[in-house]
Amino acid sequence: MKKLIKSGAAAICALTLSVAFSGCSGEKINIIPDPNPYTFDNSANVIRPDCDEGMNIDGKFDEEKWKNVRWLTAEDKPNATQSAKIEFASFVGEKGIFIGGKVEETGSNIWVNPDRGSWTNSCLEMYIGPVGYGEEGKHKTIEYDVQADGSVNNMRVAPDQSSGFDIHTTKDKMPLTAAQQIGGKVNTPDCTGYTIESFIPWAFLELAGWDVSDPSELKVGIDPVHIFSLKYEGEDVSDKITETRIWSRWSEKVLPGIGWLAPDTYFRFDKGGLMQYDYAVNYSGEGKGTVVAKSGSDKIFGCGTTTFTVKPRNGAIVKSITVNGEDYTAKLRESGGSYEFDVKDPEGKLTIDVEFGFE
């Protein structure tokens, strides 16, 4: 009985198909469009890391937080032809660290060729590590390369080290990055720069060996290397690379003591952004003189050692000098008719009191 039913059903199907196909070959069939076409939107279910409330990673920096943190501004000028204005910031958030950068170049175009490495494209090649680990910090430093179009080409822990490794994990633990272009699209003459914005969640940093158990105390060291790309074509192999890019570690001009894979010597950032502070000098005594940061800047970085130069005038001598109340007189060292002293790892504004007098 089952066989008969199956046979009958097969015959009906065959007849239906025959009619349908003959209709296709002979008769014109009117297709009525569906007034309610099917659509599928899965944007709400895109897997991404859980970011701080009020923060949108889009490369625009229009949130209040970006407006309230301290930014680093610098000029990158590796030669007489190429130069760039760089603005850079990072801050420790509630659920991870945020990174923002703005690059405006002159003397070169903004090139991103997807068929070669980021180290030859217009890019910020950032080295990011936790502060306070000393020599061990090199094994926790992350190379994070963000290209001008927002693509991330490299995310390696402890680069150039035998202990180096790449992190591959679920998308909810991976960093999130976006970019905006300035003037026009990348790879066009109109494009003169770009902005990049990134969020790196705690879960990712833990996989890199960071201790994030107390984020309120975390200080992050970042060395933002800037890459000028010289042309769209060109190879990324070592013997041809100088024809394709300029790898500019401009931080060396600002931080003379900066080391390689040494986060303690990098620009430092905390929950308030760049750790950079003012200093004030109060003068007293019968003599005259000056106290200035050897860098010539009216601000000091909260990383490494800041050297100050003390210059007595007209035969005066330094009777005493204190920094935030601590006596530094015995720490002065002679240097070509002047004196110098160092302040290591300042964490706030410095008040220097100096007395110039005569013997």
Protein backbone atom coordinates (compact mmCIF):
# COMPACT_ATOMS: atom_id res chain seq x y z
CA MET A 1 0.00 0.00 0.00
CA LYS A 2 2.82 2.36 0.88
CA LYS A 3 4.46 1.63 -2.47
CA LEU A 4 1.26 2.51 -4.33
CA ILE A 5 0.91 5.80 -2.48
CA LYS A 6 4.52 6.69 -3.17
CA SER A 7 4.15 5.82 -6.83
CA GLY A 8 1.00 7.93 -7.13
CA ALA A 9 2.66 10.87 -5.43
CA ALA A 10 5.64 10.61 -7.73
CA ALA A 11 3.40 10.59 -10.78
CA ILE A 12 1.56 13.70 -9.62
CA CYS A 13 4.86 15.49 -8.96
CA ALA A 14 6.17 14.54 -12.39
CA LEU A 15 2.98 15.81 -14.03
CA THR A 16 3.17 19.06 -12.08
CA LEU A 17 6.77 19.60 -13.09
CA SER A 18 5.92 18.83 -16.70
CA VAL A 19 3.16 21.43 -16.68
CA ALA A 20 5.39 23.95 -14.96
CA PHE A 21 8.24 23.54 -17.42
CA SER A 22 5.94 23.58 -20.42
CA GLY A 23 4.51 26.80 -19.06
CA CYS A 24 8.00 28.26 -18.85
CA SER A 25 8.73 27.33 -22.41
CA GLY A 26 5.46 28.42 -23.93
CA GLU A 27 3.46 30.78 -21.81
CA LYS A 28 4.40 34.14 -20.33
CA ILE A 29 4.26 34.04 -16.55
CA ASN A 30 3.55 37.24 -14.62
CA ILE A 31 5.63 37.49 -11.45
CA ILE A 32 3.96 39.52 -8.75
CA PRO A 33 6.52 41.27 -6.48
CA ASP A 34 6.21 40.62 -2.75
CA PRO A 35 4.91 43.81 -1.08
CA ASN A 36 6.83 42.80 2.07
CA PRO A 37 10.21 41.53 0.82
CA TYR A 38 12.30 39.55 3.30
CA THR A 39 15.25 41.36 4.84
CA PHE A 40 17.79 40.26 7.43
CA ASP A 41 19.53 42.60 9.84
CA ASN A 42 21.98 41.01 12.25
CA SER A 43 23.76 44.21 13.28
CA ALA A 44 22.47 43.94 16.84
CA ASN A 45 24.14 40.56 17.18
CA VAL A 46 27.61 41.52 15.94
CA ILE A 47 30.12 40.13 18.40
CA ARG A 48 32.34 42.87 19.79
CA PRO A 49 34.00 43.69 23.12
CA ASP A 50 31.97 45.36 25.84
CA CYS A 51 33.09 48.99 25.76
CA ASP A 52 32.68 51.73 28.39
CA GLU A 53 29.27 53.37 28.47
CA GLY A 54 29.08 56.44 26.26
CA MET A 55 32.11 55.49 24.15
CA ASN A 56 31.67 54.79 20.43
CA ILE A 57 34.74 53.58 18.54
CA ASP A 58 34.44 55.48 15.25
CA GLY A 59 37.61 57.58 14.97
CA LYS A 60 35.82 60.88 15.63
CA PHE A 61 36.75 61.68 19.29
CA ASP A 62 33.47 63.51 19.87
CA GLU A 63 32.85 62.01 23.32
CA GLU A 64 33.39 64.16 26.42
CA LYS A 65 36.05 61.79 27.70
CA TRP A 66 38.36 62.53 24.76
CA LYS A 67 37.87 66.26 25.32
CA ASN A 68 38.85 66.02 28.98
CA VAL A 69 42.00 63.88 28.83
CA ARG A 70 45.53 65.20 28.29
CA TRP A 71 46.84 64.83 24.71
CA LEU A 72 50.39 64.69 23.38
CA THR A 73 51.17 66.99 20.44
CA ALA A 74 54.36 66.74 18.42
CA GLU A 75 55.91 67.35 15.03
CA ASP A 76 57.49 64.42 13.22
CA LYS A 77 60.06 65.74 10.74
CA PRO A 78 62.49 63.02 9.67
CA ASN A 79 63.91 65.03 6.75
CA ALA A 80 63.53 68.24 4.76
CA THR A 81 60.72 66.77 2.62
CA GLN A 82 58.37 64.82 4.88
CA SER A 83 56.74 66.09 8.04
CA ALA A 84 53.67 65.32 10.10
CA LYS A 85 51.66 66.89 12.89
CA ILE A 86 50.76 64.22 15.42
CA GLU A 87 48.21 64.33 18.22
CA PHE A 88 48.09 61.26 20.42
CA ALA A 89 46.31 60.18 23.59
CA SER A 90 45.38 57.13 25.61
CA PHE A 91 43.50 56.65 28.85
CA VAL A 92 42.61 53.85 31.22
CA GLY A 93 38.86 53.24 31.16
CA GLU A 94 36.51 51.05 33.15
CA LYS A 95 36.64 48.05 30.81
CA GLY A 96 39.94 48.51 28.99
CA ILE A 97 42.29 51.09 27.57
CA PHE A 98 41.44 53.59 24.83
CA ILE A 99 43.88 54.91 22.23
CA GLY A 100 43.43 57.86 19.89
CA GLY A 101 45.70 59.34 17.25
CA LYS A 102 45.53 62.03 14.59
CA VAL A 103 48.14 62.31 11.83
CA GLU A 104 48.35 65.10 9.24
CA GLU A 105 51.17 64.69 6.74
CA THR A 106 52.90 66.98 4.25
CA GLY A 107 55.33 65.94 1.55
CA SER A 108 53.79 62.49 1.01
CA ASN A 109 50.52 60.76 0.21
CA ILE A 110 48.49 58.43 2.40
CA TRP A 111 48.94 54.93 1.00
CA VAL A 112 47.46 51.62 2.15
CA ASN A 113 48.21 48.61 -0.04
CA PRO A 114 46.42 45.52 1.35
CA ASP A 115 48.86 43.20 -0.42
CA ARG A 116 51.84 44.18 1.72
CA GLY A 117 52.68 44.57 5.39
CA SER A 118 51.58 47.48 7.56
CA TRP A 119 55.23 48.42 8.07
CA THR A 120 55.25 49.92 4.56
CA ASN A 121 51.79 51.52 4.61
CA SER A 122 50.66 54.81 6.19
CA CYS A 123 50.38 53.64 9.74
CA LEU A 124 50.84 54.17 13.47
CA GLU A 125 52.99 51.28 14.67
CA MET A 126 52.40 51.37 18.41
CA TYR A 127 54.32 49.56 21.12
CA ILE A 128 52.13 49.28 24.22
CA GLY A 129 53.13 47.89 27.61
CA PRO A 130 52.36 48.13 31.33
CA VAL A 131 54.58 50.41 33.41
CA GLY A 132 56.40 49.10 36.46
CA TYR A 133 57.74 45.73 35.31
CA GLY A 134 61.28 46.82 34.51
CA GLU A 135 63.14 44.42 32.22
CA GLU A 136 60.22 42.00 32.33
CA GLY A 137 58.10 44.63 30.53
CA LYS A 138 59.50 43.63 27.14
CA HIS A 139 57.67 40.30 27.40
CA LYS A 140 54.35 42.08 27.97
CA THR A 141 54.73 44.73 25.25
CA ILE A 142 52.24 44.54 22.38
CA GLU A 143 53.01 45.72 18.87
CA TYR A 144 49.71 47.10 17.56
CA ASP A 145 49.77 48.43 13.98
CA VAL A 146 46.77 50.50 12.82
CA GLN A 147 46.79 51.58 9.18
CA ALA A 148 45.24 54.76 7.81
CA ASP A 149 42.12 52.93 6.65
CA GLY A 150 41.52 51.49 10.13
CA SER A 151 42.73 47.98 9.38
CA VAL A 152 44.95 46.26 11.94
CA ASN A 153 47.78 44.28 10.43
CA ASN A 154 49.84 43.27 13.43
CA MET A 155 48.97 42.41 17.04
CA ARG A 156 51.98 40.61 18.48
CA VAL A 157 53.08 40.28 22.10
CA ALA A 158 56.83 40.63 22.77
CA PRO A 159 57.83 41.33 19.14
CA ASP A 160 61.48 40.55 18.27
CA GLN A 161 61.67 38.25 21.31
CA SER A 162 61.91 34.46 21.38
CA SER A 163 58.96 34.57 23.76
CA GLY A 164 56.83 36.48 21.23
CA PHE A 165 53.36 35.24 20.27
CA ASP A 166 50.15 36.32 18.54
CA ILE A 167 46.84 36.32 20.39
CA HIS A 168 43.91 34.56 18.72
CA THR A 169 40.75 34.49 20.80
CA THR A 170 37.01 35.14 20.56
CA LYS A 171 35.83 38.45 19.10
CA ASP A 172 34.40 39.67 22.39
CA LYS A 173 37.94 39.75 23.78
CA MET A 174 39.68 41.27 20.76
CA PRO A 175 40.51 44.98 20.33
CA LEU A 176 38.15 47.23 18.40
CA THR A 177 39.49 49.87 15.99
CA ALA A 178 38.10 52.49 13.60
CA ALA A 179 39.53 55.28 11.46
CA GLN A 180 38.56 58.44 9.63
CA GLN A 181 40.41 59.97 6.72
CA ILE A 182 41.25 63.67 6.37
CA GLY A 183 40.66 65.43 3.04
CA GLY A 184 39.59 62.36 1.06
CA LYS A 185 39.90 58.61 0.73
CA VAL A 186 43.19 56.79 1.18
CA ASN A 187 45.21 56.23 -1.99
CA THR A 188 43.95 59.48 -3.51
CA PRO A 189 45.73 62.86 -3.79
CA ASP A 190 43.04 64.45 -1.61
CA CYS A 191 43.88 62.45 1.51
CA THR A 192 46.32 64.30 3.79
CA GLY A 193 45.93 62.37 7.02
CA TYR A 194 43.83 60.16 9.23
CA THR A 195 42.56 59.52 12.73
CA ILE A 196 42.56 56.17 14.52
CA GLU A 197 40.63 55.13 17.61
CA SER A 198 41.04 51.83 19.44
CA PHE A 199 39.66 50.04 22.47
CA ILE A 200 41.62 47.14 23.99
CA PRO A 201 39.59 45.18 26.58
CA TRP A 202 40.99 43.83 29.83
CA ALA A 203 40.48 40.23 28.66
CA PHE A 204 42.90 40.75 25.76
CA LEU A 205 45.50 42.43 27.96
CA GLU A 206 45.29 39.58 30.47
CA LEU A 207 46.12 37.16 27.66
CA ALA A 208 49.19 39.33 26.97
CA GLY A 209 50.33 38.87 30.58
CA TRP A 210 49.12 42.16 32.06
CA ASP A 211 47.88 42.43 35.64
CA VAL A 212 44.62 44.40 35.37
CA SER A 213 43.22 43.47 38.77
CA ASP A 214 43.32 47.15 39.84
CA PRO A 215 42.83 49.32 36.74
CA SER A 216 42.72 52.51 38.83
CA GLU A 217 46.45 52.12 39.48
CA LEU A 218 47.41 51.02 35.97
CA LYS A 219 49.87 53.14 33.99
CA VAL A 220 50.38 52.37 30.31
CA GLY A 221 53.54 53.09 28.33
CA ILE A 222 53.15 53.71 24.58
CA ASP A 223 55.73 54.40 21.87
CA PRO A 224 53.74 55.52 18.78
CA VAL A 225 56.08 55.01 15.82
CA HIS A 226 54.86 56.82 12.68
CA ILE A 227 55.29 55.39 9.20
CA PHE A 228 55.39 57.60 6.10
CA SER A 229 54.46 55.51 3.06
CA LEU A 230 56.27 56.74 -0.05
CA LYS A 231 54.26 54.94 -2.75
CA TYR A 232 51.42 52.48 -3.31
CA GLU A 233 53.59 50.02 -5.15
CA GLY A 234 56.72 48.63 -3.62
CA GLU A 235 57.82 45.65 -1.60
CA ASP A 236 57.88 45.13 2.15
CA VAL A 237 61.04 43.01 2.18
CA SER A 238 64.05 44.32 4.08
CA ASP A 239 66.38 45.08 1.15
CA LYS A 240 63.69 47.12 -0.67
CA ILE A 241 61.88 48.70 2.24
CA THR A 242 63.75 52.03 2.30
CA GLU A 243 62.33 52.76 -1.16
CA THR A 244 58.80 52.29 0.16
CA ARG A 245 58.59 53.85 3.59
CA ILE A 246 60.17 56.04 6.29
CA TRP A 247 59.99 54.41 9.73
CA SER A 248 60.05 57.39 12.07
CA ARG A 249 60.54 56.86 15.79
CA TRP A 250 60.00 60.53 16.60
CA SER A 251 59.69 59.77 20.32
CA GLU A 252 63.49 59.52 20.53
CA LYS A 253 63.73 63.29 20.01
CA VAL A 254 61.29 63.98 22.83
CA LEU A 255 62.36 61.24 25.27
CA PRO A 256 66.16 60.92 25.02
CA GLY A 257 66.24 57.96 27.41
CA ILE A 258 63.62 55.88 25.61
CA GLY A 259 64.49 52.19 25.24
CA TRP A 260 63.46 49.39 22.89
CA LEU A 261 60.57 47.28 24.23
CA ALA A 262 60.90 49.19 27.51
CA PRO A 263 57.45 50.50 28.54
CA ASP A 264 58.86 52.21 31.64
CA THR A 265 60.64 54.66 29.31
CA TYR A 266 57.71 55.28 26.93
CA PHE A 267 55.14 58.09 27.06
CA ARG A 268 52.97 57.26 30.04
CA PHE A 269 49.19 57.38 30.23
CA ASP A 270 46.74 56.87 33.09
CA LYS A 271 43.02 57.45 33.57
CA GLY A 272 43.57 61.18 32.91
CA GLY A 273 45.45 60.69 29.64
CA LEU A 274 49.05 61.74 29.03
CA MET A 275 51.11 61.97 32.20
CA GLN A 276 52.54 65.42 31.49
CA TYR A 277 52.75 68.15 34.09
CA ASP A 278 53.63 71.79 34.67
CA TYR A 279 56.49 72.94 36.83
CA ALA A 280 56.94 76.23 38.65
CA VAL A 281 60.14 77.87 39.94
CA ASN A 282 60.20 80.22 42.91
CA TYR A 283 63.35 82.38 43.22
CA SER A 284 64.77 83.94 46.38
CA GLY A 285 68.04 85.36 47.73
CA GLU A 286 70.34 88.23 46.78
CA GLY A 287 71.70 86.57 43.64
CA LYS A 288 70.16 85.90 40.25
CA GLY A 289 69.87 82.82 38.07
CA THR A 290 67.52 80.51 36.18
CA VAL A 291 66.16 76.97 36.48
CA VAL A 292 64.72 75.38 33.33
CA ALA A 293 64.02 71.90 31.99
CA LYS A 294 66.94 70.85 29.82
CA SER A 295 64.51 69.87 27.05
CA GLY A 296 63.46 73.51 26.77
CA SER A 297 59.81 72.62 27.32
CA ASP A 298 57.63 74.33 29.92
CA LYS A 299 56.15 70.91 30.75
CA ILE A 300 57.60 67.61 31.92
CA PHE A 301 56.64 64.04 31.11
CA GLY A 302 55.72 61.58 33.83
CA CYS A 303 58.17 59.00 32.57
CA GLY A 304 61.85 58.33 32.95
CA THR A 305 64.16 61.11 34.12
CA THR A 306 63.67 64.85 33.63
CA THR A 307 66.88 66.87 33.77
CA PHE A 308 66.88 70.50 34.91
CA THR A 309 69.63 73.05 34.28
CA VAL A 310 70.51 75.63 36.96
CA LYS A 311 72.45 78.73 35.81
CA PRO A 312 73.65 81.24 38.43
CA ARG A 313 74.42 84.73 37.06
CA ASN A 314 76.92 87.49 37.82
CA GLY A 315 79.00 85.43 40.21
CA ALA A 316 76.10 84.09 42.25
CA ILE A 317 76.02 80.60 43.69
CA VAL A 318 73.21 78.18 44.50
CA LYS A 319 72.60 78.41 48.22
CA SER A 320 69.78 75.85 48.27
CA ILE A 321 67.26 74.14 46.01
CA THR A 322 64.24 71.98 46.81
CA VAL A 323 61.73 70.07 44.67
CA ASN A 324 58.27 69.66 46.20
CA GLY A 325 59.88 70.28 49.58
CA GLU A 326 62.69 67.73 49.17
CA ASP A 327 66.24 69.10 49.43
CA TYR A 328 68.11 68.65 46.13
CA THR A 329 71.14 70.84 46.91
CA ALA A 330 73.47 67.88 47.38
CA LYS A 331 72.17 66.33 44.13
CA LEU A 332 73.45 69.18 41.96
CA ARG A 333 76.28 68.28 39.58
CA GLU A 334 78.48 70.73 37.72
CA SER A 335 78.09 70.97 33.96
CA GLY A 336 80.10 73.59 32.05
CA GLY A 337 79.71 76.49 34.48
CA SER A 338 76.15 75.54 35.34
CA TYR A 339 74.53 72.78 37.36
CA GLU A 340 72.12 69.97 36.60
CA PHE A 341 69.82 67.76 38.65
CA ASP A 342 67.41 64.95 37.78
CA VAL A 343 63.85 64.23 38.84
CA LYS A 344 62.83 60.63 38.23
CA ASP A 345 59.29 59.61 37.22
CA PRO A 346 57.38 62.74 38.32
CA GLU A 347 53.70 62.07 39.03
CA GLY A 348 52.37 65.61 39.23
CA LYS A 349 53.23 69.29 39.12
CA LEU A 350 56.70 70.18 40.42
CA THR A 351 57.38 73.20 42.60
CA ILE A 352 61.06 74.16 42.62
CA ASP A 353 62.33 76.63 45.23
CA VAL A 354 65.84 77.95 44.62
CA GLU A 355 67.94 80.49 46.51
CA PHE A 356 70.77 82.28 44.72
CA GLY A 357 73.30 84.17 46.83
CA PHE A 358 76.98 84.99 47.26
CA GLU A 359 79.76 83.51 49.33
